[in-house]
Amino acid sequence: MKQSGAARGWVEELDYGRAAALLTAASDVTLVIAGNGRGTIRDITFGSAELAREIDQEWIGKSWPETVTPESRPKIEALLRDAASDAPPRWRQVNHPSTAGTDLPIVYTAMRVGTRGEVIAIGRNVRPIAVLQQRLLETQQLVEREYARLRQSETRHRLLFQVSAEAIVIAEAGARRIVEANPAAHELLGVAAGEWAGKDLLSCFDGAASGAIETLLATVRATGRMESLKVACRGSAAQLTLTVSLFREGASAYFLVRMSPLGALRESTPRRQSRVLEVVEGGPDGFVVTNDRSGRIVYANRAFLDMAQLPTESLATGESLDRWLGRQGVDFGLLTAHLREHGSIRQFATTLRGEHGSSTDVEISGVAVPDGEEPCLGFTIRDVSHRPRAADAVREAPRSVEQIAQLVGRVPLKDLVRESSDVIERMCIEAALELTRDNRASAAEILGLSRQGLYAKLRRYGLGDLERSPDEDEVAEG
């Protein structure tokens, strides 16, 4: 390193104490290594008390390579060789065993000073950077998994679109230009696949019906509700039932147009429903249909039966879905209230209890179907118990606290207060058990409860090993 004469003179005037203070302020760890060829540590200073607590204070007198993990020793030896030969300083990352349990990563550089061959090693703590890198890696993995899940979902929907026996056309809501159509629509309208691009939706039907179709499309776009109309194909006497619904994709709106020949409607509907039911029945996510008014299950697929630990669908039919959800009387009430108000709900987080005591973290998406002979609610239940979490040290607020606010106006105040008290009480018990490492005697003491009182609350909330008795706990803790 090139130095000016003034800088060199200033450095030479520093006494030991000021030089040590300067090194301590400029680094997290500073080591003074004896020039005896063995790398013996003569002195050590730390930039923070927190770092000093993590490092073994018996380093002084030890060989520097002995203070690092085995894979880091060659790096320390290389630092000492470079310092002895006055080679240009290099930074090398090594790991020290820490009293906190996880290795402490430090980046060092070393240089020889004085006439006796002593070496000064300056280190910087890079654990904060390592933590950020780990979080970034976990986030990237989570994004990749979610992206793969979305691609799989898109593939499934694409397959359903292609194999559907019902003719389906997707068109822009503004310009009415056809965007896509499935093979059944190609066959029904007699239009080749390559001729769809940019084609006006009205050009597929008899000109006399153009006014009625325009009115239908305007109504659907204004109200968002599904509407139907009987029309004739262009150049054909075939009569169709045209059913149009609206959906949005980003900032754009599209028409989903379903076309069914009148004569074949009754024949094709059962076959179409059969195919859809086969897909739903064999899907990896639970699917449940309930009666809108009572919440009684009218259909449940195999995936839901597996999560609920039920051998047959008959054991679920007629029962309320609330029976298996995490908090009886709360979660299902939130779901149904939201569905009746908004029509759909996505990724509602809760738990699903099995008949034999299992508990699975799930996300529920639902839709309300108010029209028809029997209004119903449909729920998709996804197992998220194996989903990776960003950091174990970060504890999320209980989802029930956020959801209690949604009950205001629908549930009496005394019920809201009782629910809030239960949530806080359960959180405190879980925190006490975690703090005492499941020592229930100590947990009862710090909570100000008797042993029997704590066990009663454990049974109430389903926490811990409920098979253990207080006497067994005393033996285990003794």
Protein backbone atom coordinates (compact mmCIF):
# COMPACT_ATOMS: atom_id res chain seq x y z
CA MET A 1 0.00 0.00 0.00
CA LYS A 2 1.41 3.40 -0.98
CA GLN A 3 1.65 5.92 1.90
CA SER A 4 2.65 9.58 1.98
CA GLY A 5 5.44 10.76 4.29
CA ALA A 6 3.00 12.76 6.42
CA ALA A 7 0.72 9.74 6.97
CA ARG A 8 3.72 7.55 7.88
CA GLY A 9 4.92 10.07 10.47
CA TRP A 10 1.46 10.35 11.99
CA VAL A 11 1.18 6.60 12.38
CA GLU A 12 4.64 6.31 13.95
CA GLU A 13 3.64 8.84 16.64
CA LEU A 14 0.71 6.67 17.87
CA ASP A 15 1.33 4.96 21.22
CA TYR A 16 0.16 1.39 21.93
CA GLY A 17 -3.06 2.41 23.64
CA ARG A 18 -4.23 4.67 20.87
CA ALA A 19 -3.23 2.20 18.20
CA ALA A 20 -5.22 -0.51 20.00
CA ALA A 21 -8.23 1.79 20.29
CA LEU A 22 -8.01 2.63 16.59
CA LEU A 23 -7.92 -1.06 15.59
CA THR A 24 -10.84 -1.87 17.92
CA ALA A 25 -12.97 0.89 16.42
CA ALA A 26 -12.13 -0.17 12.85
CA SER A 27 -12.87 -3.88 13.29
CA ASP A 28 -15.05 -6.34 15.20
CA VAL A 29 -12.17 -8.58 16.35
CA THR A 30 -8.46 -7.75 16.60
CA LEU A 31 -5.87 -10.44 17.39
CA VAL A 32 -2.21 -10.00 18.24
CA ILE A 33 -0.30 -13.10 17.07
CA ALA A 34 3.16 -13.90 18.42
CA GLY A 35 5.95 -14.31 15.88
CA ASN A 36 6.95 -17.74 17.20
CA GLY A 37 5.89 -19.66 14.10
CA ARG A 38 3.01 -21.40 15.91
CA GLY A 39 0.48 -18.54 15.60
CA THR A 40 -0.01 -18.14 19.37
CA ILE A 41 -2.58 -15.50 20.33
CA ARG A 42 -1.07 -12.94 22.71
CA ASP A 43 -3.95 -10.47 22.97
CA ILE A 44 -7.52 -10.01 21.71
CA THR A 45 -9.97 -7.10 21.58
CA PHE A 46 -13.60 -6.93 20.52
CA GLY A 47 -15.63 -4.17 18.94
CA SER A 48 -18.80 -5.09 20.89
CA ALA A 49 -19.69 -6.80 24.17
CA GLU A 50 -22.22 -9.02 22.37
CA LEU A 51 -19.49 -10.51 20.19
CA ALA A 52 -17.22 -10.97 23.22
CA ARG A 53 -19.89 -13.12 24.91
CA GLU A 54 -20.01 -15.47 21.93
CA ILE A 55 -16.26 -16.12 21.72
CA ASP A 56 -14.33 -18.29 24.14
CA GLN A 57 -12.22 -15.98 26.36
CA GLU A 58 -9.56 -18.66 26.71
CA TRP A 59 -8.18 -17.91 23.24
CA ILE A 60 -5.15 -16.10 24.70
CA GLY A 61 -2.25 -18.54 24.73
CA LYS A 62 -3.84 -20.83 22.14
CA SER A 63 -2.74 -21.33 18.58
CA TRP A 64 -4.92 -19.31 16.20
CA PRO A 65 -5.76 -22.35 13.99
CA GLU A 66 -7.10 -24.15 17.11
CA THR A 67 -9.84 -21.50 17.56
CA VAL A 68 -11.57 -22.19 14.22
CA THR A 69 -13.49 -25.13 12.79
CA PRO A 70 -11.44 -27.86 11.04
CA GLU A 71 -12.32 -26.76 7.50
CA SER A 72 -11.17 -23.19 8.27
CA ARG A 73 -7.67 -24.10 9.52
CA PRO A 74 -6.01 -24.11 6.07
CA LYS A 75 -7.25 -20.53 5.58
CA ILE A 76 -5.69 -19.39 8.89
CA GLU A 77 -2.39 -21.07 7.94
CA ALA A 78 -2.48 -19.27 4.58
CA LEU A 79 -3.06 -15.92 6.35
CA LEU A 80 -0.06 -16.54 8.62
CA ARG A 81 2.17 -17.52 5.65
CA ASP A 82 1.17 -14.40 3.70
CA ALA A 83 1.84 -12.19 6.71
CA ALA A 84 5.26 -13.77 7.33
CA SER A 85 6.29 -13.20 3.68
CA ASP A 86 4.90 -9.63 3.64
CA ALA A 87 2.56 -10.58 0.78
CA PRO A 88 -0.28 -8.16 -0.01
CA PRO A 89 -3.07 -8.60 2.60
CA ARG A 90 -6.06 -10.75 1.58
CA TRP A 91 -9.41 -11.24 3.26
CA ARG A 92 -10.45 -14.80 4.10
CA GLN A 93 -13.64 -15.99 5.78
CA VAL A 94 -13.35 -18.54 8.60
CA ASN A 95 -15.81 -19.98 11.12
CA HIS A 96 -15.32 -19.97 14.90
CA PRO A 97 -17.26 -22.31 17.20
CA SER A 98 -19.66 -20.11 19.18
CA THR A 99 -21.18 -20.48 22.63
CA ALA A 100 -24.52 -19.55 20.99
CA GLY A 101 -24.55 -22.90 19.17
CA THR A 102 -24.10 -21.83 15.55
CA ASP A 103 -20.69 -21.08 14.05
CA LEU A 104 -19.59 -17.45 13.98
CA PRO A 105 -18.36 -16.35 10.51
CA ILE A 106 -15.50 -13.82 10.59
CA VAL A 107 -13.57 -12.32 7.66
CA TYR A 108 -9.88 -11.79 8.54
CA THR A 109 -6.85 -10.11 7.07
CA ALA A 110 -3.38 -10.32 8.69
CA MET A 111 -0.15 -8.37 8.42
CA ARG A 112 3.23 -8.48 10.13
CA VAL A 113 4.21 -5.55 12.37
CA GLY A 114 7.28 -4.72 14.46
CA THR A 115 10.73 -6.28 14.37
CA ARG A 116 9.89 -9.48 16.25
CA GLY A 117 7.60 -10.86 13.55
CA GLU A 118 4.33 -10.24 15.42
CA VAL A 119 1.14 -10.37 13.34
CA ILE A 120 -1.99 -8.24 13.69
CA ALA A 121 -5.18 -9.96 12.50
CA ILE A 122 -8.22 -7.74 11.87
CA GLY A 123 -11.63 -9.45 11.66
CA ARG A 124 -15.12 -8.39 10.65
CA ASN A 125 -18.30 -10.17 11.73
CA VAL A 126 -20.29 -11.20 8.63
CA ARG A 127 -23.09 -13.05 10.42
CA PRO A 128 -25.69 -10.34 9.56
CA ILE A 129 -24.78 -10.74 5.90
CA ALA A 130 -24.97 -14.55 6.19
CA VAL A 131 -28.44 -14.27 7.78
CA LEU A 132 -29.63 -12.03 4.95
CA GLN A 133 -28.19 -14.43 2.38
CA GLN A 134 -29.98 -17.35 4.04
CA ARG A 135 -33.28 -15.46 4.06
CA LEU A 136 -32.79 -14.54 0.42
CA LEU A 137 -32.14 -18.18 -0.46
CA GLU A 138 -35.24 -19.34 1.42
CA THR A 139 -37.33 -16.66 -0.28
CA GLN A 140 -36.02 -17.66 -3.71
CA GLN A 141 -36.85 -21.30 -3.02
CA LEU A 142 -40.34 -20.33 -1.87
CA VAL A 143 -40.89 -18.25 -5.01
CA GLU A 144 -39.70 -21.12 -7.19
CA ARG A 145 -42.07 -23.54 -5.46
CA GLU A 146 -44.99 -21.13 -5.84
CA TYR A 147 -44.11 -20.57 -9.49
CA ALA A 148 -43.98 -24.33 -10.09
CA ARG A 149 -47.36 -24.69 -8.34
CA LEU A 150 -48.87 -21.98 -10.55
CA ARG A 151 -47.51 -23.65 -13.68
CA GLN A 152 -48.99 -26.99 -12.61
CA SER A 153 -52.33 -25.32 -11.89
CA GLU A 154 -52.24 -23.61 -15.30
CA THR A 155 -51.49 -26.95 -16.95
CA ARG A 156 -54.46 -28.58 -15.24
CA HIS A 157 -56.82 -25.77 -16.25
CA ARG A 158 -55.45 -25.82 -19.79
CA LEU A 159 -56.08 -29.56 -19.98
CA LEU A 160 -59.65 -29.12 -18.73
CA PHE A 161 -60.22 -26.38 -21.29
CA GLN A 162 -58.99 -28.57 -24.15
CA VAL A 163 -60.80 -31.81 -23.24
CA SER A 164 -64.12 -30.21 -22.30
CA ALA A 165 -67.00 -31.47 -24.42
CA GLU A 166 -68.69 -28.07 -24.14
CA ALA A 167 -67.77 -25.43 -26.74
CA ILE A 168 -65.98 -22.54 -24.99
CA VAL A 169 -64.78 -19.24 -26.48
CA ILE A 170 -62.84 -16.47 -24.72
CA ALA A 171 -63.19 -12.95 -26.14
CA GLU A 172 -62.09 -9.46 -25.12
CA ALA A 173 -64.86 -7.63 -23.30
CA GLY A 174 -64.17 -4.31 -25.02
CA ALA A 175 -63.54 -5.10 -28.69
CA ARG A 176 -65.26 -8.53 -28.67
CA ARG A 177 -62.22 -10.01 -30.46
CA ILE A 178 -61.88 -13.75 -29.95
CA VAL A 179 -58.73 -14.64 -28.00
CA GLU A 180 -59.04 -18.40 -27.70
CA ALA A 181 -61.43 -21.28 -28.32
CA ASN A 182 -61.28 -24.97 -27.46
CA PRO A 183 -61.54 -27.86 -30.00
CA ALA A 184 -65.24 -28.36 -29.23
CA ALA A 185 -65.91 -24.77 -30.36
CA HIS A 186 -63.92 -25.33 -33.57
CA GLU A 187 -66.09 -28.31 -34.40
CA LEU A 188 -69.40 -26.72 -33.42
CA LEU A 189 -68.90 -23.49 -35.37
CA GLY A 190 -67.01 -25.05 -38.27
CA VAL A 191 -64.06 -22.68 -37.92
CA ALA A 192 -60.47 -23.90 -38.21
CA ALA A 193 -58.12 -23.22 -35.29
CA GLY A 194 -55.97 -20.79 -37.26
CA GLU A 195 -58.95 -18.61 -38.25
CA TRP A 196 -59.84 -17.48 -34.71
CA ALA A 197 -57.24 -14.76 -34.21
CA GLY A 198 -58.87 -11.31 -34.10
CA LYS A 199 -62.26 -12.60 -35.25
CA ASP A 200 -65.32 -10.69 -33.99
CA LEU A 201 -67.45 -12.81 -31.68
CA LEU A 202 -70.68 -11.65 -33.39
CA SER A 203 -69.46 -12.95 -36.78
CA CYS A 204 -69.93 -16.53 -35.54
CA PHE A 205 -73.72 -16.15 -35.19
CA ASP A 206 -76.70 -15.29 -37.36
CA GLY A 207 -76.89 -11.60 -38.20
CA ALA A 208 -80.47 -11.33 -37.00
CA ALA A 209 -79.31 -12.09 -33.46
CA SER A 210 -76.54 -9.48 -33.39
CA GLY A 211 -78.63 -6.92 -31.53
CA ALA A 212 -79.73 -9.41 -28.89
CA ILE A 213 -76.15 -10.64 -28.41
CA GLU A 214 -74.82 -7.09 -28.07
CA THR A 215 -77.45 -6.39 -25.42
CA LEU A 216 -76.51 -9.63 -23.64
CA LEU A 217 -72.80 -8.75 -23.63
CA ALA A 218 -73.48 -5.21 -22.38
CA THR A 219 -75.63 -6.55 -19.55
CA VAL A 220 -72.98 -9.07 -18.48
CA ARG A 221 -70.27 -6.41 -18.59
CA ALA A 222 -72.35 -3.96 -16.53
CA THR A 223 -73.61 -6.38 -13.86
CA GLY A 224 -70.91 -9.06 -13.84
CA ARG A 225 -73.60 -11.73 -13.65
CA MET A 226 -73.90 -14.72 -15.95
CA GLU A 227 -76.61 -14.44 -18.63
CA SER A 228 -77.95 -16.84 -21.29
CA LEU A 229 -79.55 -16.48 -24.74
CA LYS A 230 -80.76 -18.79 -27.52
CA VAL A 231 -79.17 -17.98 -30.89
CA ALA A 232 -78.50 -19.58 -34.28
CA CYS A 233 -75.10 -20.24 -35.86
CA ARG A 234 -74.19 -18.28 -38.99
CA GLY A 235 -74.93 -20.31 -42.12
CA SER A 236 -76.63 -23.06 -40.16
CA ALA A 237 -80.04 -23.80 -38.73
CA ALA A 238 -78.51 -25.18 -35.54
CA GLN A 239 -79.83 -23.50 -32.40
CA LEU A 240 -77.44 -22.83 -29.52
CA THR A 241 -77.76 -21.83 -25.90
CA LEU A 242 -75.24 -19.03 -25.43
CA THR A 243 -74.12 -18.55 -21.80
CA VAL A 244 -71.81 -15.59 -21.15
CA SER A 245 -69.93 -14.70 -17.97
CA LEU A 246 -67.29 -12.05 -17.23
CA PHE A 247 -63.86 -12.51 -15.65
CA ARG A 248 -60.84 -10.27 -15.22
CA GLU A 249 -57.17 -10.97 -15.82
CA GLY A 250 -55.05 -8.11 -14.53
CA ALA A 251 -56.43 -4.84 -15.89
CA SER A 252 -58.30 -6.51 -18.77
CA ALA A 253 -61.81 -8.00 -18.83
CA TYR A 254 -62.86 -11.00 -20.91
CA PHE A 255 -66.06 -12.83 -21.81
CA LEU A 256 -66.25 -16.58 -21.21
CA VAL A 257 -68.77 -17.80 -23.77
CA ARG A 258 -70.20 -21.32 -23.47
CA MET A 259 -72.21 -22.74 -26.37
CA SER A 260 -74.44 -25.81 -26.15
CA PRO A 261 -76.61 -27.23 -28.94
CA LEU A 262 -80.22 -27.31 -27.75
CA GLY A 263 -80.82 -30.85 -28.91
CA ALA A 264 -77.71 -32.26 -27.33
CA LEU A 265 -77.85 -30.23 -24.11
CA ARG A 266 -79.38 -32.88 -21.91
CA GLU A 267 -77.17 -35.58 -23.36
CA SER A 268 -73.91 -33.66 -23.10
CA THR A 269 -74.40 -32.18 -19.63
CA PRO A 270 -74.16 -35.44 -17.64
CA ARG A 271 -71.07 -36.50 -19.60
CA ARG A 272 -69.42 -33.12 -19.03
CA GLN A 273 -70.28 -33.16 -15.36
CA SER A 274 -68.90 -36.67 -15.10
CA ARG A 275 -65.52 -35.57 -16.46
CA VAL A 276 -65.33 -32.59 -14.14
CA LEU A 277 -66.26 -34.74 -11.14
CA GLU A 278 -63.53 -37.23 -12.02
CA VAL A 279 -60.94 -34.44 -12.01
CA VAL A 280 -62.22 -32.99 -8.73
CA GLU A 281 -62.48 -36.39 -7.07
CA GLY A 282 -58.89 -37.31 -7.88
CA GLY A 283 -57.35 -33.88 -7.21
CA PRO A 284 -54.60 -33.42 -4.59
CA ASP A 285 -56.52 -30.67 -2.74
CA GLY A 286 -59.61 -31.22 -0.64
CA PHE A 287 -62.90 -30.12 -2.21
CA VAL A 288 -66.14 -29.74 -0.27
CA VAL A 289 -69.62 -28.52 -1.27
CA THR A 290 -71.97 -27.44 1.53
CA ASN A 291 -75.56 -26.31 1.75
CA ASP A 292 -75.65 -22.50 1.78
CA ARG A 293 -78.00 -22.16 4.72
CA SER A 294 -76.98 -24.90 7.13
CA GLY A 295 -73.39 -25.51 6.10
CA ARG A 296 -74.04 -29.26 5.86
CA ILE A 297 -71.70 -31.15 3.54
CA VAL A 298 -73.34 -32.50 0.39
CA TYR A 299 -70.12 -33.60 -1.34
CA ALA A 300 -66.49 -34.22 -0.30
CA ASN A 301 -63.67 -35.65 -2.41
CA ARG A 302 -61.06 -38.23 -1.41
CA ALA A 303 -58.38 -35.66 -0.50
CA PHE A 304 -60.67 -34.07 2.11
CA LEU A 305 -61.61 -37.47 3.51
CA ASP A 306 -57.91 -38.29 3.93
CA MET A 307 -57.22 -35.02 5.79
CA ALA A 308 -60.29 -35.52 8.00
CA GLN A 309 -59.35 -39.21 8.56
CA LEU A 310 -62.71 -40.47 7.31
CA PRO A 311 -62.96 -43.85 5.54
CA THR A 312 -66.08 -43.07 3.47
CA GLU A 313 -67.90 -40.02 2.14
CA SER A 314 -71.10 -41.04 3.91
CA LEU A 315 -69.51 -40.14 7.27
CA ALA A 316 -69.01 -36.56 6.06
CA THR A 317 -72.31 -36.09 4.20
CA GLY A 318 -74.86 -34.26 6.30
CA GLU A 319 -72.28 -33.08 8.84
CA SER A 320 -71.26 -29.42 9.22
CA LEU A 321 -67.84 -28.48 7.86
CA ASP A 322 -67.37 -26.54 11.11
CA ARG A 323 -66.87 -29.89 12.86
CA TRP A 324 -63.40 -30.29 11.36
CA LEU A 325 -62.17 -26.69 11.24
CA GLY A 326 -59.69 -25.31 13.79
CA ARG A 327 -62.00 -23.17 15.94
CA GLN A 328 -65.56 -24.41 16.06
CA GLY A 329 -68.13 -21.67 15.69
CA VAL A 330 -65.56 -19.10 14.53
CA ASP A 331 -63.68 -20.11 11.36
CA PHE A 332 -66.71 -21.42 9.47
CA GLY A 333 -68.74 -18.38 10.53
CA LEU A 334 -66.02 -16.12 9.10
CA LEU A 335 -65.94 -18.08 5.86
CA THR A 336 -69.68 -18.09 5.26
CA ALA A 337 -70.11 -14.42 6.25
CA HIS A 338 -67.36 -13.38 3.82
CA LEU A 339 -68.79 -15.53 1.02
CA ARG A 340 -72.30 -14.14 1.42
CA GLU A 341 -70.94 -10.60 1.35
CA HIS A 342 -68.26 -10.86 -1.36
CA GLY A 343 -69.06 -14.08 -3.23
CA SER A 344 -65.56 -15.60 -2.92
CA ILE A 345 -62.61 -15.88 -0.55
CA ARG A 346 -58.98 -16.87 -1.09
CA GLN A 347 -56.28 -18.40 1.12
CA PHE A 348 -58.12 -18.33 4.44
CA ALA A 349 -55.58 -19.81 6.89
CA THR A 350 -56.81 -22.24 9.55
CA THR A 351 -56.33 -25.84 10.68
CA LEU A 352 -58.21 -29.03 9.85
CA ARG A 353 -58.69 -31.58 12.62
CA GLY A 354 -58.84 -35.27 11.83
CA GLU A 355 -61.16 -37.75 13.50
CA HIS A 356 -58.18 -39.47 15.17
CA GLY A 357 -56.52 -36.37 16.60
CA SER A 358 -54.35 -35.15 13.73
CA SER A 359 -54.14 -31.42 12.96
CA THR A 360 -53.18 -30.04 9.54
CA ASP A 361 -52.44 -26.43 8.59
CA VAL A 362 -54.61 -25.59 5.58
CA GLU A 363 -55.59 -22.71 3.32
CA ILE A 364 -59.23 -22.53 2.23
CA SER A 365 -60.53 -20.83 -0.90
CA GLY A 366 -64.27 -20.70 -1.43
CA VAL A 367 -67.02 -19.51 -3.74
CA ALA A 368 -70.74 -18.94 -3.21
CA VAL A 369 -73.23 -20.22 -5.81
CA PRO A 370 -76.46 -18.40 -4.88
CA ASP A 371 -78.29 -19.13 -8.15
CA GLY A 372 -79.88 -22.44 -8.92
CA GLU A 373 -82.37 -24.79 -7.36
CA GLU A 374 -80.21 -25.33 -4.25
CA PRO A 375 -77.77 -22.50 -3.35
CA CYS A 376 -74.45 -23.92 -2.17
CA LEU A 377 -70.90 -23.06 -1.12
CA GLY A 378 -67.79 -24.67 -2.59
CA PHE A 379 -64.47 -24.89 -0.70
CA THR A 380 -61.00 -25.90 -1.88
CA ILE A 381 -58.81 -26.99 1.05
CA ARG A 382 -55.03 -27.09 0.53
CA ASP A 383 -52.54 -28.71 2.93
CA VAL A 384 -49.81 -26.13 3.71
CA SER A 385 -48.23 -27.88 6.72
CA HIS A 386 -45.04 -28.62 4.73
CA ARG A 387 -44.66 -25.13 3.27
CA PRO A 388 -41.24 -23.63 4.22
CA ARG A 389 -41.13 -20.64 6.47
CA ALA A 390 -38.80 -17.70 6.01
CA ALA A 391 -37.21 -17.71 9.47
CA ASP A 392 -37.96 -19.77 12.56
CA ALA A 393 -37.00 -16.88 14.79
CA VAL A 394 -39.75 -14.67 13.37
CA ARG A 395 -43.05 -15.41 15.05
CA GLU A 396 -46.17 -14.31 13.28
CA ALA A 397 -49.12 -12.81 15.08
CA PRO A 398 -51.96 -15.33 15.46
CA ARG A 399 -54.26 -15.11 12.53
CA SER A 400 -57.30 -15.27 14.82
CA VAL A 401 -56.54 -11.83 16.29
CA GLU A 402 -56.72 -10.26 12.84
CA GLN A 403 -59.84 -12.18 11.95
CA ILE A 404 -61.73 -11.27 15.12
CA ALA A 405 -62.18 -7.75 13.76
CA GLN A 406 -64.15 -9.17 10.85
CA LEU A 407 -66.74 -10.52 13.31
CA VAL A 408 -67.69 -7.06 14.59
CA GLY A 409 -71.30 -6.45 13.71
CA ARG A 410 -72.05 -10.15 13.21
CA VAL A 411 -71.20 -11.62 16.61
CA PRO A 412 -72.18 -10.22 20.05
CA LEU A 413 -69.46 -8.33 21.94
CA LYS A 414 -69.31 -10.87 24.76
CA ASP A 415 -68.48 -13.61 22.24
CA LEU A 416 -65.75 -11.44 20.71
CA VAL A 417 -64.24 -10.78 24.15
CA ARG A 418 -64.32 -14.50 25.01
CA GLU A 419 -62.64 -15.40 21.71
CA SER A 420 -59.94 -12.75 22.26
CA SER A 421 -59.32 -14.02 25.80
CA ASP A 422 -58.97 -17.60 24.56
CA VAL A 423 -56.44 -16.55 21.92
CA ILE A 424 -54.31 -14.60 24.41
CA GLU A 425 -54.53 -17.36 27.03
CA ARG A 426 -53.41 -20.00 24.55
CA MET A 427 -50.52 -17.81 23.37
CA CYS A 428 -49.33 -17.30 26.95
CA ILE A 429 -49.47 -21.04 27.72
CA GLU A 430 -47.54 -21.90 24.53
CA ALA A 431 -44.93 -19.25 25.35
CA ALA A 432 -44.55 -20.57 28.91
CA LEU A 433 -44.13 -24.16 27.71
CA GLU A 434 -41.56 -23.07 25.15
CA LEU A 435 -39.70 -20.94 27.71
CA THR A 436 -39.52 -23.82 30.22
CA ARG A 437 -38.84 -26.48 27.53
CA ASP A 438 -42.14 -28.23 28.34
CA ASN A 439 -41.46 -28.26 32.11
CA ARG A 440 -45.07 -28.01 33.18
CA ALA A 441 -44.35 -27.40 36.86
CA SER A 442 -42.25 -24.37 35.98
CA ALA A 443 -44.78 -23.25 33.36
CA ALA A 444 -47.60 -23.35 35.92
CA GLU A 445 -45.47 -21.37 38.37
CA ILE A 446 -44.60 -18.53 35.96
CA LEU A 447 -48.24 -18.36 34.81
CA GLY A 448 -49.49 -18.18 38.38
CA LEU A 449 -51.57 -21.36 37.97
CA SER A 450 -51.84 -24.54 39.91
CA ARG A 451 -50.59 -27.74 38.31
CA GLN A 452 -54.14 -29.05 37.90
CA GLY A 453 -55.30 -25.69 36.50
CA LEU A 454 -52.58 -25.78 33.86
CA TYR A 455 -53.51 -29.35 32.87
CA ALA A 456 -57.15 -28.36 32.52
CA LYS A 457 -56.19 -25.58 30.11
CA LEU A 458 -53.84 -27.88 28.19
CA ARG A 459 -56.73 -30.29 27.62
CA ARG A 460 -59.03 -27.42 26.65
CA TYR A 461 -56.68 -26.16 23.94
CA GLY A 462 -55.28 -29.54 22.89
CA LEU A 463 -51.69 -28.60 23.75
CA GLY A 464 -48.81 -30.93 24.62
CA ASP A 465 -48.87 -34.65 25.41
CA LEU A 466 -52.27 -35.09 27.00
CA GLU A 467 -51.50 -38.71 27.93
CA ARG A 468 -48.98 -37.58 30.57
CA SER A 469 -50.31 -37.22 34.08
CA PRO A 470 -49.01 -34.73 36.70
CA ASP A 471 -47.32 -37.60 38.57
CA GLU A 472 -45.50 -38.71 35.39
CA ASP A 473 -44.39 -35.12 34.85
CA GLU A 474 -42.95 -34.99 38.37
CA VAL A 475 -40.95 -38.16 37.69
CA ALA A 476 -39.74 -36.86 34.30
CA GLU A 477 -38.83 -33.44 35.68
CA GLY A 478 -37.14 -34.86 38.77
